[in-house]
Amino acid sequence: MLFVLIGVILIACNLFDIGPMAAWNWEITGDVWKFALPFGLAVAWWIWSDASGWTKRKAMQRDAERKRDRLDRNIDAMGLGYLHKHRDGKKRSKH
């Protein structure tokens, strides 16, 4: 996502004549590769992250954290927080 954002910023800077990007041209033999490079890197990143399983692992970690948070909230709501070690490593006091 960062690479896409950089690419959009480069294009916007060129269109609004900001900074050195204002002098870049859109000819195939010119500076168009400078505009295309961030988008190409984004595609390469997405291909790598999907092929390596990185994306799936991150999604599984988020799901596990949500499940653990839901469990902690439910145990606290039942008033049993003093029996259960929460994700932060602390037990709740018995009221």
PDB file of N, CA and C in Angstrom:
ATOM      1  N   MET A   1       0.824  -1.185   0.000  1.00  0.00           N
ATOM      2  CA  MET A   1       0.000   0.000   0.000  1.00  0.00           C
ATOM      3  C   MET A   1       0.869   1.250   0.000  1.00  0.00           C
ATOM      4  N   LEU A   2       1.981   1.182   0.677  1.00  0.00           N
ATOM      5  CA  LEU A   2       2.895   2.326   0.718  1.00  0.00           C
ATOM      6  C   LEU A   2       3.426   2.649  -0.667  1.00  0.00           C
ATOM      7  N   PHE A   3       3.758   1.619  -1.439  1.00  0.00           N
ATOM      8  CA  PHE A   3       4.265   1.848  -2.795  1.00  0.00           C
ATOM      9  C   PHE A   3       3.208   2.520  -3.677  1.00  0.00           C
ATOM     10  N   VAL A   4       1.963   2.118  -3.531  1.00  0.00           N
ATOM     11  CA  VAL A   4       0.886   2.728  -4.306  1.00  0.00           C
ATOM     12  C   VAL A   4       0.724   4.196  -3.911  1.00  0.00           C
ATOM     13  N   LEU A   5       0.787   4.476  -2.625  1.00  0.00           N
ATOM     14  CA  LEU A   5       0.686   5.853  -2.143  1.00  0.00           C
ATOM     15  C   LEU A   5       1.828   6.712  -2.700  1.00  0.00           C
ATOM     16  N   ILE A   6       3.041   6.177  -2.702  1.00  0.00           N
ATOM     17  CA  ILE A   6       4.184   6.904  -3.260  1.00  0.00           C
ATOM     18  C   ILE A   6       3.959   7.183  -4.749  1.00  0.00           C
ATOM     19  N   GLY A   7       3.485   6.198  -5.481  1.00  0.00           N
ATOM     20  CA  GLY A   7       3.204   6.381  -6.905  1.00  0.00           C
ATOM     21  C   GLY A   7       2.163   7.453  -7.159  1.00  0.00           C
ATOM     22  N   VAL A   8       1.112   7.457  -6.357  1.00  0.00           N
ATOM     23  CA  VAL A   8       0.059   8.469  -6.512  1.00  0.00           C
ATOM     24  C   VAL A   8       0.611   9.853  -6.190  1.00  0.00           C
ATOM     25  N   ILE A   9       1.443   9.954  -5.163  1.00  0.00           N
ATOM     26  CA  ILE A   9       2.050  11.245  -4.802  1.00  0.00           C
ATOM     27  C   ILE A   9       2.954  11.742  -5.925  1.00  0.00           C
ATOM     28  N   LEU A  10       3.742  10.850  -6.515  1.00  0.00           N
ATOM     29  CA  LEU A  10       4.607  11.252  -7.624  1.00  0.00           C
ATOM     30  C   LEU A  10       3.790  11.788  -8.803  1.00  0.00           C
ATOM     31  N   ILE A  11       2.707  11.096  -9.131  1.00  0.00           N
ATOM     32  CA  ILE A  11       1.863  11.544 -10.238  1.00  0.00           C
ATOM     33  C   ILE A  11       1.203  12.883  -9.907  1.00  0.00           C
ATOM     34  N   ALA A  12       0.710  13.028  -8.678  1.00  0.00           N
ATOM     35  CA  ALA A  12       0.074  14.288  -8.281  1.00  0.00           C
ATOM     36  C   ALA A  12       1.075  15.441  -8.324  1.00  0.00           C
ATOM     37  N   CYS A  13       2.297  15.188  -7.857  1.00  0.00           N
ATOM     38  CA  CYS A  13       3.325  16.237  -7.899  1.00  0.00           C
ATOM     39  C   CYS A  13       3.622  16.642  -9.338  1.00  0.00           C
ATOM     40  N   ASN A  14       3.627  15.696 -10.246  1.00  0.00           N
ATOM     41  CA  ASN A  14       3.859  16.010 -11.656  1.00  0.00           C
ATOM     42  C   ASN A  14       2.707  16.815 -12.237  1.00  0.00           C
ATOM     43  N   LEU A  15       1.488  16.417 -11.936  1.00  0.00           N
ATOM     44  CA  LEU A  15       0.320  17.101 -12.490  1.00  0.00           C
ATOM     45  C   LEU A  15       0.164  18.526 -11.953  1.00  0.00           C
ATOM     46  N   PHE A  16       0.557  18.741 -10.691  1.00  0.00           N
ATOM     47  CA  PHE A  16       0.421  20.067 -10.083  1.00  0.00           C
ATOM     48  C   PHE A  16       1.726  20.858 -10.084  1.00  0.00           C
ATOM     49  N   ASP A  17       2.713  20.379 -10.856  1.00  0.00           N
ATOM     50  CA  ASP A  17       4.011  21.065 -11.001  1.00  0.00           C
ATOM     51  C   ASP A  17       4.675  21.363  -9.663  1.00  0.00           C
ATOM     52  N   ILE A  18       4.831  20.331  -8.859  1.00  0.00           N
ATOM     53  CA  ILE A  18       5.468  20.461  -7.548  1.00  0.00           C
ATOM     54  C   ILE A  18       6.788  19.715  -7.573  1.00  0.00           C
ATOM     55  N   GLY A  19       7.851  20.379  -7.149  1.00  0.00           N
ATOM     56  CA  GLY A  19       9.154  19.760  -6.993  1.00  0.00           C
ATOM     57  C   GLY A  19       9.779  19.310  -8.298  1.00  0.00           C
ATOM     58  N   PRO A  20      10.788  18.445  -8.192  1.00  0.00           N
ATOM     59  CA  PRO A  20      11.482  17.983  -9.395  1.00  0.00           C
ATOM     60  C   PRO A  20      10.609  17.098 -10.289  1.00  0.00           C
ATOM     61  N   MET A  21       9.537  16.546  -9.742  1.00  0.00           N
ATOM     62  CA  MET A  21       8.649  15.702 -10.547  1.00  0.00           C
ATOM     63  C   MET A  21       7.931  16.512 -11.625  1.00  0.00           C
ATOM     64  N   ALA A  22       7.879  17.831 -11.462  1.00  0.00           N
ATOM     65  CA  ALA A  22       7.210  18.680 -12.454  1.00  0.00           C
ATOM     66  C   ALA A  22       7.916  18.618 -13.809  1.00  0.00           C
ATOM     67  N   ALA A  23       9.213  18.359 -13.811  1.00  0.00           N
ATOM     68  CA  ALA A  23       9.981  18.334 -15.060  1.00  0.00           C
ATOM     69  C   ALA A  23       9.987  16.959 -15.720  1.00  0.00           C
ATOM     70  N   TRP A  24       9.468  15.926 -15.046  1.00  0.00           N
ATOM     71  CA  TRP A  24       9.463  14.591 -15.620  1.00  0.00           C
ATOM     72  C   TRP A  24       8.452  14.525 -16.744  1.00  0.00           C
ATOM     73  N   ASN A  25       8.789  13.783 -17.810  1.00  0.00           N
ATOM     74  CA  ASN A  25       7.869  13.650 -18.937  1.00  0.00           C
ATOM     75  C   ASN A  25       7.243  12.259 -18.949  1.00  0.00           C
ATOM     76  N   TRP A  26       6.230  12.101 -19.787  1.00  0.00           N
ATOM     77  CA  TRP A  26       5.477  10.856 -19.840  1.00  0.00           C
ATOM     78  C   TRP A  26       5.832  10.017 -21.065  1.00  0.00           C
ATOM     79  N   GLU A  27       6.958  10.297 -21.696  1.00  0.00           N
ATOM     80  CA  GLU A  27       7.367   9.532 -22.868  1.00  0.00           C
ATOM     81  C   GLU A  27       7.937   8.184 -22.435  1.00  0.00           C
ATOM     82  N   ILE A  28       7.694   7.173 -23.248  1.00  0.00           N
ATOM     83  CA  ILE A  28       8.161   5.817 -22.939  1.00  0.00           C
ATOM     84  C   ILE A  28       9.679   5.798 -22.784  1.00  0.00           C
ATOM     85  N   THR A  29      10.377   6.540 -23.611  1.00  0.00           N
ATOM     86  CA  THR A  29      11.843   6.563 -23.537  1.00  0.00           C
ATOM     87  C   THR A  29      12.341   7.582 -22.528  1.00  0.00           C
ATOM     88  N   GLY A  30      11.428   8.270 -21.867  1.00  0.00           N
ATOM     89  CA  GLY A  30      11.814   9.318 -20.921  1.00  0.00           C
ATOM     90  C   GLY A  30      11.693   8.866 -19.475  1.00  0.00           C
ATOM     91  N   ASP A  31      10.877   9.603 -18.728  1.00  0.00           N
ATOM     92  CA  ASP A  31      10.789   9.412 -17.279  1.00  0.00           C
ATOM     93  C   ASP A  31       9.587   8.600 -16.821  1.00  0.00           C
ATOM     94  N   VAL A  32       8.870   7.968 -17.731  1.00  0.00           N
ATOM     95  CA  VAL A  32       7.677   7.234 -17.336  1.00  0.00           C
ATOM     96  C   VAL A  32       8.020   6.086 -16.375  1.00  0.00           C
ATOM     97  N   TRP A  33       9.228   5.547 -16.453  1.00  0.00           N
ATOM     98  CA  TRP A  33       9.618   4.457 -15.550  1.00  0.00           C
ATOM     99  C   TRP A  33       9.628   4.929 -14.095  1.00  0.00           C
ATOM    100  N   LYS A  34       9.884   6.226 -13.877  1.00  0.00           N
ATOM    101  CA  LYS A  34       9.899   6.761 -12.510  1.00  0.00           C
ATOM    102  C   LYS A  34       8.492   6.764 -11.908  1.00  0.00           C
ATOM    103  N   PHE A  35       7.499   6.946 -12.759  1.00  0.00           N
ATOM    104  CA  PHE A  35       6.118   6.895 -12.286  1.00  0.00           C
ATOM    105  C   PHE A  35       5.654   5.452 -12.104  1.00  0.00           C
ATOM    106  N   ALA A  36       6.126   4.556 -12.956  1.00  0.00           N
ATOM    107  CA  ALA A  36       5.681   3.163 -12.936  1.00  0.00           C
ATOM    108  C   ALA A  36       6.380   2.319 -11.869  1.00  0.00           C
ATOM    109  N   LEU A  37       7.574   2.714 -11.468  1.00  0.00           N
ATOM    110  CA  LEU A  37       8.359   1.905 -10.530  1.00  0.00           C
ATOM    111  C   LEU A  37       7.630   1.614  -9.216  1.00  0.00           C
ATOM    112  N   PRO A  38       7.032   2.601  -8.534  1.00  0.00           N
ATOM    113  CA  PRO A  38       6.339   2.268  -7.279  1.00  0.00           C
ATOM    114  C   PRO A  38       5.192   1.286  -7.468  1.00  0.00           C
ATOM    115  N   PHE A  39       4.475   1.404  -8.587  1.00  0.00           N
ATOM    116  CA  PHE A  39       3.359   0.478  -8.828  1.00  0.00           C
ATOM    117  C   PHE A  39       3.881  -0.930  -9.137  1.00  0.00           C
ATOM    118  N   GLY A  40       4.989  -1.022  -9.851  1.00  0.00           N
ATOM    119  CA  GLY A  40       5.611  -2.322 -10.100  1.00  0.00           C
ATOM    120  C   GLY A  40       6.102  -2.966  -8.819  1.00  0.00           C
ATOM    121  N   LEU A  41       6.687  -2.158  -7.925  1.00  0.00           N
ATOM    122  CA  LEU A  41       7.137  -2.679  -6.629  1.00  0.00           C
ATOM    123  C   LEU A  41       5.952  -3.139  -5.783  1.00  0.00           C
ATOM    124  N   ALA A  42       4.824  -2.438  -5.873  1.00  0.00           N
ATOM    125  CA  ALA A  42       3.624  -2.852  -5.140  1.00  0.00           C
ATOM    126  C   ALA A  42       3.131  -4.210  -5.633  1.00  0.00           C
ATOM    127  N   VAL A  43       3.122  -4.397  -6.937  1.00  0.00           N
ATOM    128  CA  VAL A  43       2.705  -5.686  -7.498  1.00  0.00           C
ATOM    129  C   VAL A  43       3.655  -6.793  -7.044  1.00  0.00           C
ATOM    130  N   ALA A  44       4.960  -6.525  -7.086  1.00  0.00           N
ATOM    131  CA  ALA A  44       5.947  -7.517  -6.645  1.00  0.00           C
ATOM    132  C   ALA A  44       5.752  -7.854  -5.167  1.00  0.00           C
ATOM    133  N   TRP A  45       5.473  -6.840  -4.348  1.00  0.00           N
ATOM    134  CA  TRP A  45       5.255  -7.058  -2.913  1.00  0.00           C
ATOM    135  C   TRP A  45       4.022  -7.927  -2.689  1.00  0.00           C
ATOM    136  N   TRP A  46       2.929  -7.638  -3.381  1.00  0.00           N
ATOM    137  CA  TRP A  46       1.711  -8.413  -3.207  1.00  0.00           C
ATOM    138  C   TRP A  46       1.898  -9.848  -3.668  1.00  0.00           C
ATOM    139  N   ILE A  47       2.609 -10.052  -4.743  1.00  0.00           N
ATOM    140  CA  ILE A  47       2.873 -11.410  -5.222  1.00  0.00           C
ATOM    141  C   ILE A  47       3.712 -12.169  -4.198  1.00  0.00           C
ATOM    142  N   TRP A  48       4.758 -11.524  -3.691  1.00  0.00           N
ATOM    143  CA  TRP A  48       5.617 -12.185  -2.701  1.00  0.00           C
ATOM    144  C   TRP A  48       4.856 -12.491  -1.420  1.00  0.00           C
ATOM    145  N   SER A  49       4.092 -11.525  -0.920  1.00  0.00           N
ATOM    146  CA  SER A  49       3.403 -11.736   0.355  1.00  0.00           C
ATOM    147  C   SER A  49       2.350 -12.841   0.256  1.00  0.00           C
ATOM    148  N   ASP A  50       1.697 -12.941  -0.877  1.00  0.00           N
ATOM    149  CA  ASP A  50       0.731 -14.026  -1.053  1.00  0.00           C
ATOM    150  C   ASP A  50       1.427 -15.375  -1.240  1.00  0.00           C
ATOM    151  N   ALA A  51       2.511 -15.400  -2.010  1.00  0.00           N
ATOM    152  CA  ALA A  51       3.223 -16.656  -2.272  1.00  0.00           C
ATOM    153  C   ALA A  51       3.914 -17.188  -1.022  1.00  0.00           C
ATOM    154  N   SER A  52       4.406 -16.300  -0.176  1.00  0.00           N
ATOM    155  CA  SER A  52       5.147 -16.734   1.009  1.00  0.00           C
ATOM    156  C   SER A  52       4.223 -17.099   2.165  1.00  0.00           C
ATOM    157  N   GLY A  53       2.950 -16.742   2.067  1.00  0.00           N
ATOM    158  CA  GLY A  53       2.016 -17.024   3.150  1.00  0.00           C
ATOM    159  C   GLY A  53       1.985 -15.940   4.211  1.00  0.00           C
ATOM    160  N   TRP A  54       2.717 -14.859   4.007  1.00  0.00           N
ATOM    161  CA  TRP A  54       2.793 -13.772   4.983  1.00  0.00           C
ATOM    162  C   TRP A  54       1.418 -13.160   5.216  1.00  0.00           C
ATOM    163  N   THR A  55       0.661 -12.943   4.162  1.00  0.00           N
ATOM    164  CA  THR A  55      -0.667 -12.340   4.275  1.00  0.00           C
ATOM    165  C   THR A  55      -1.590 -13.230   5.103  1.00  0.00           C
ATOM    166  N   LYS A  56      -1.559 -14.511   4.838  1.00  0.00           N
ATOM    167  CA  LYS A  56      -2.424 -15.452   5.558  1.00  0.00           C
ATOM    168  C   LYS A  56      -2.049 -15.530   7.040  1.00  0.00           C
ATOM    169  N   ARG A  57      -0.747 -15.530   7.336  1.00  0.00           N
ATOM    170  CA  ARG A  57      -0.309 -15.571   8.735  1.00  0.00           C
ATOM    171  C   ARG A  57      -0.783 -14.335   9.492  1.00  0.00           C
ATOM    172  N   LYS A  58      -0.680 -13.151   8.863  1.00  0.00           N
ATOM    173  CA  LYS A  58      -1.122 -11.923   9.511  1.00  0.00           C
ATOM    174  C   LYS A  58      -2.632 -11.964   9.770  1.00  0.00           C
ATOM    175  N   ALA A  59      -3.391 -12.480   8.827  1.00  0.00           N
ATOM    176  CA  ALA A  59      -4.837 -12.587   9.003  1.00  0.00           C
ATOM    177  C   ALA A  59      -5.171 -13.557  10.133  1.00  0.00           C
ATOM    178  N   MET A  60      -4.449 -14.657  10.216  1.00  0.00           N
ATOM    179  CA  MET A  60      -4.685 -15.628  11.279  1.00  0.00           C
ATOM    180  C   MET A  60      -4.329 -15.046  12.644  1.00  0.00           C
ATOM    181  N   GLN A  61      -3.265 -14.248  12.716  1.00  0.00           N
ATOM    182  CA  GLN A  61      -2.898 -13.599  13.973  1.00  0.00           C
ATOM    183  C   GLN A  61      -3.976 -12.619  14.422  1.00  0.00           C
ATOM    184  N   ARG A  62      -4.509 -11.842  13.480  1.00  0.00           N
ATOM    185  CA  ARG A  62      -5.580 -10.895  13.829  1.00  0.00           C
ATOM    186  C   ARG A  62      -6.816 -11.641  14.326  1.00  0.00           C
ATOM    187  N   ASP A  63      -7.158 -12.743  13.686  1.00  0.00           N
ATOM    188  CA  ASP A  63      -8.310 -13.529  14.118  1.00  0.00           C
ATOM    189  C   ASP A  63      -8.100 -14.107  15.518  1.00  0.00           C
ATOM    190  N   ALA A  64      -6.898 -14.593  15.787  1.00  0.00           N
ATOM    191  CA  ALA A  64      -6.594 -15.152  17.102  1.00  0.00           C
ATOM    192  C   ALA A  64      -6.666 -14.075  18.182  1.00  0.00           C
ATOM    193  N   GLU A  65      -6.175 -12.876  17.873  1.00  0.00           N
ATOM    194  CA  GLU A  65      -6.245 -11.780  18.850  1.00  0.00           C
ATOM    195  C   GLU A  65      -7.697 -11.392  19.130  1.00  0.00           C
ATOM    196  N   ARG A  66      -8.515 -11.315  18.077  1.00  0.00           N
ATOM    197  CA  ARG A  66      -9.926 -10.986  18.276  1.00  0.00           C
ATOM    198  C   ARG A  66     -10.630 -12.047  19.107  1.00  0.00           C
ATOM    199  N   LYS A  67     -10.309 -13.305  18.842  1.00  0.00           N
ATOM    200  CA  LYS A  67     -10.919 -14.405  19.593  1.00  0.00           C
ATOM    201  C   LYS A  67     -10.516 -14.328  21.068  1.00  0.00           C
ATOM    202  N   ARG A  68      -9.237 -14.052  21.315  1.00  0.00           N
ATOM    203  CA  ARG A  68      -8.741 -13.953  22.690  1.00  0.00           C
ATOM    204  C   ARG A  68      -9.367 -12.750  23.413  1.00  0.00           C
ATOM    205  N   ASP A  69      -9.488 -11.611  22.727  1.00  0.00           N
ATOM    206  CA  ASP A  69     -10.126 -10.436  23.330  1.00  0.00           C
ATOM    207  C   ASP A  69     -11.589 -10.720  23.673  1.00  0.00           C
ATOM    208  N   ARG A  70     -12.284 -11.398  22.757  1.00  0.00           N
ATOM    209  CA  ARG A  70     -13.685 -11.741  22.992  1.00  0.00           C
ATOM    210  C   ARG A  70     -13.805 -12.677  24.197  1.00  0.00           C
ATOM    211  N   LEU A  71     -12.904 -13.640  24.299  1.00  0.00           N
ATOM    212  CA  LEU A  71     -12.896 -14.555  25.436  1.00  0.00           C
ATOM    213  C   LEU A  71     -12.665 -13.797  26.738  1.00  0.00           C
ATOM    214  N   ASP A  72     -11.684 -12.885  26.743  1.00  0.00           N
ATOM    215  CA  ASP A  72     -11.397 -12.096  27.948  1.00  0.00           C
ATOM    216  C   ASP A  72     -12.606 -11.250  28.355  1.00  0.00           C
ATOM    217  N   ARG A  73     -13.262 -10.614  27.383  1.00  0.00           N
ATOM    218  CA  ARG A  73     -14.435  -9.794  27.690  1.00  0.00           C
ATOM    219  C   ARG A  73     -15.565 -10.642  28.255  1.00  0.00           C
ATOM    220  N   ASN A  74     -15.782 -11.810  27.671  1.00  0.00           N
ATOM    221  CA  ASN A  74     -16.863 -12.677  28.144  1.00  0.00           C
ATOM    222  C   ASN A  74     -16.596 -13.195  29.549  1.00  0.00           C
ATOM    223  N   ILE A  75     -15.358 -13.558  29.833  1.00  0.00           N
ATOM    224  CA  ILE A  75     -15.020 -14.046  31.169  1.00  0.00           C
ATOM    225  C   ILE A  75     -15.184 -12.932  32.198  1.00  0.00           C
ATOM    226  N   ASP A  76     -14.749 -11.720  31.847  1.00  0.00           N
ATOM    227  CA  ASP A  76     -14.936 -10.583  32.755  1.00  0.00           C
ATOM    228  C   ASP A  76     -16.422 -10.287  32.965  1.00  0.00           C
ATOM    229  N   ALA A  77     -17.226 -10.400  31.902  1.00  0.00           N
ATOM    230  CA  ALA A  77     -18.660 -10.124  32.010  1.00  0.00           C
ATOM    231  C   ALA A  77     -19.351 -11.135  32.917  1.00  0.00           C
ATOM    232  N   MET A  78     -18.833 -12.359  32.977  1.00  0.00           N
ATOM    233  CA  MET A  78     -19.411 -13.368  33.863  1.00  0.00           C
ATOM    234  C   MET A  78     -18.907 -13.211  35.289  1.00  0.00           C
ATOM    235  N   GLY A  79     -17.937 -12.310  35.492  1.00  0.00           N
ATOM    236  CA  GLY A  79     -17.398 -12.108  36.832  1.00  0.00           C
ATOM    237  C   GLY A  79     -16.355 -13.132  37.220  1.00  0.00           C
ATOM    238  N   LEU A  80     -15.768 -13.807  36.236  1.00  0.00           N
ATOM    239  CA  LEU A  80     -14.781 -14.846  36.523  1.00  0.00           C
ATOM    240  C   LEU A  80     -13.364 -14.417  36.143  1.00  0.00           C
ATOM    241  N   GLY A  81     -13.148 -13.128  35.999  1.00  0.00           N
ATOM    242  CA  GLY A  81     -11.847 -12.625  35.575  1.00  0.00           C
ATOM    243  C   GLY A  81     -10.726 -12.967  36.534  1.00  0.00           C
ATOM    244  N   TYR A  82     -11.063 -13.192  37.813  1.00  0.00           N
ATOM    245  CA  TYR A  82     -10.034 -13.530  38.794  1.00  0.00           C
ATOM    246  C   TYR A  82      -9.525 -14.955  38.620  1.00  0.00           C
ATOM    247  N   LEU A  83     -10.244 -15.784  37.891  1.00  0.00           N
ATOM    248  CA  LEU A  83      -9.826 -17.162  37.652  1.00  0.00           C
ATOM    249  C   LEU A  83      -9.043 -17.336  36.350  1.00  0.00           C
ATOM    250  N   HIS A  84      -9.044 -16.313  35.543  1.00  0.00           N
ATOM    251  CA  HIS A  84      -8.537 -16.435  34.179  1.00  0.00           C
ATOM    252  C   HIS A  84      -7.362 -15.487  33.973  1.00  0.00           C
ATOM    253  N   LYS A  85      -6.278 -15.981  33.388  1.00  0.00           N
ATOM    254  CA  LYS A  85      -5.140 -15.125  33.054  1.00  0.00           C
ATOM    255  C   LYS A  85      -5.411 -14.480  31.700  1.00  0.00           C
ATOM    256  N   HIS A  86      -5.507 -13.166  31.680  1.00  0.00           N
ATOM    257  CA  HIS A  86      -5.830 -12.432  30.470  1.00  0.00           C
ATOM    258  C   HIS A  86      -4.622 -12.311  29.566  1.00  0.00           C
ATOM    259  N   ARG A  87      -4.877 -11.788  28.372  1.00  0.00           N
ATOM    260  CA  ARG A  87      -3.822 -11.642  27.373  1.00  0.00           C
ATOM    261  C   ARG A  87      -2.709 -10.729  27.866  1.00  0.00           C
ATOM    262  N   ASP A  88      -3.024  -9.770  28.722  1.00  0.00           N
ATOM    263  CA  ASP A  88      -2.000  -8.877  29.258  1.00  0.00           C
ATOM    264  C   ASP A  88      -1.199  -9.536  30.377  1.00  0.00           C
ATOM    265  N   GLY A  89      -1.521 -10.773  30.706  1.00  0.00           N
ATOM    266  CA  GLY A  89      -0.773 -11.532  31.697  1.00  0.00           C
ATOM    267  C   GLY A  89      -1.235 -11.300  33.122  1.00  0.00           C
ATOM    268  N   LYS A  90      -2.300 -10.555  33.328  1.00  0.00           N
ATOM    269  CA  LYS A  90      -2.786 -10.236  34.669  1.00  0.00           C
ATOM    270  C   LYS A  90      -4.121 -10.914  34.906  1.00  0.00           C
ATOM    271  N   LYS A  91      -4.338 -11.246  36.159  1.00  0.00           N
ATOM    272  CA  LYS A  91      -5.652 -11.731  36.566  1.00  0.00           C
ATOM    273  C   LYS A  91      -6.416 -10.553  37.160  1.00  0.00           C
ATOM    274  N   ARG A  92      -7.698 -10.518  36.954  1.00  0.00           N
ATOM    275  CA  ARG A  92      -8.527  -9.450  37.508  1.00  0.00           C
ATOM    276  C   ARG A  92      -8.844  -9.766  38.964  1.00  0.00           C
ATOM    277  N   SER A  93      -9.016  -8.730  39.747  1.00  0.00           N
ATOM    278  CA  SER A  93      -9.305  -8.936  41.171  1.00  0.00           C
ATOM    279  C   SER A  93     -10.737  -9.415  41.346  1.00  0.00           C
ATOM    280  N   LYS A  94     -10.945 -10.168  42.427  1.00  0.00           N
ATOM    281  CA  LYS A  94     -12.287 -10.673  42.727  1.00  0.00           C
ATOM    282  C   LYS A  94     -13.048  -9.565  43.430  1.00  0.00           C
ATOM    283  N   HIS A  95     -14.216  -9.238  42.940  1.00  0.00           N
ATOM    284  CA  HIS A  95     -14.999  -8.141  43.527  1.00  0.00           C
ATOM    285  C   HIS A  95     -16.026  -8.661  44.456  1.00  0.00           C
TER     286      HIS A  95
END
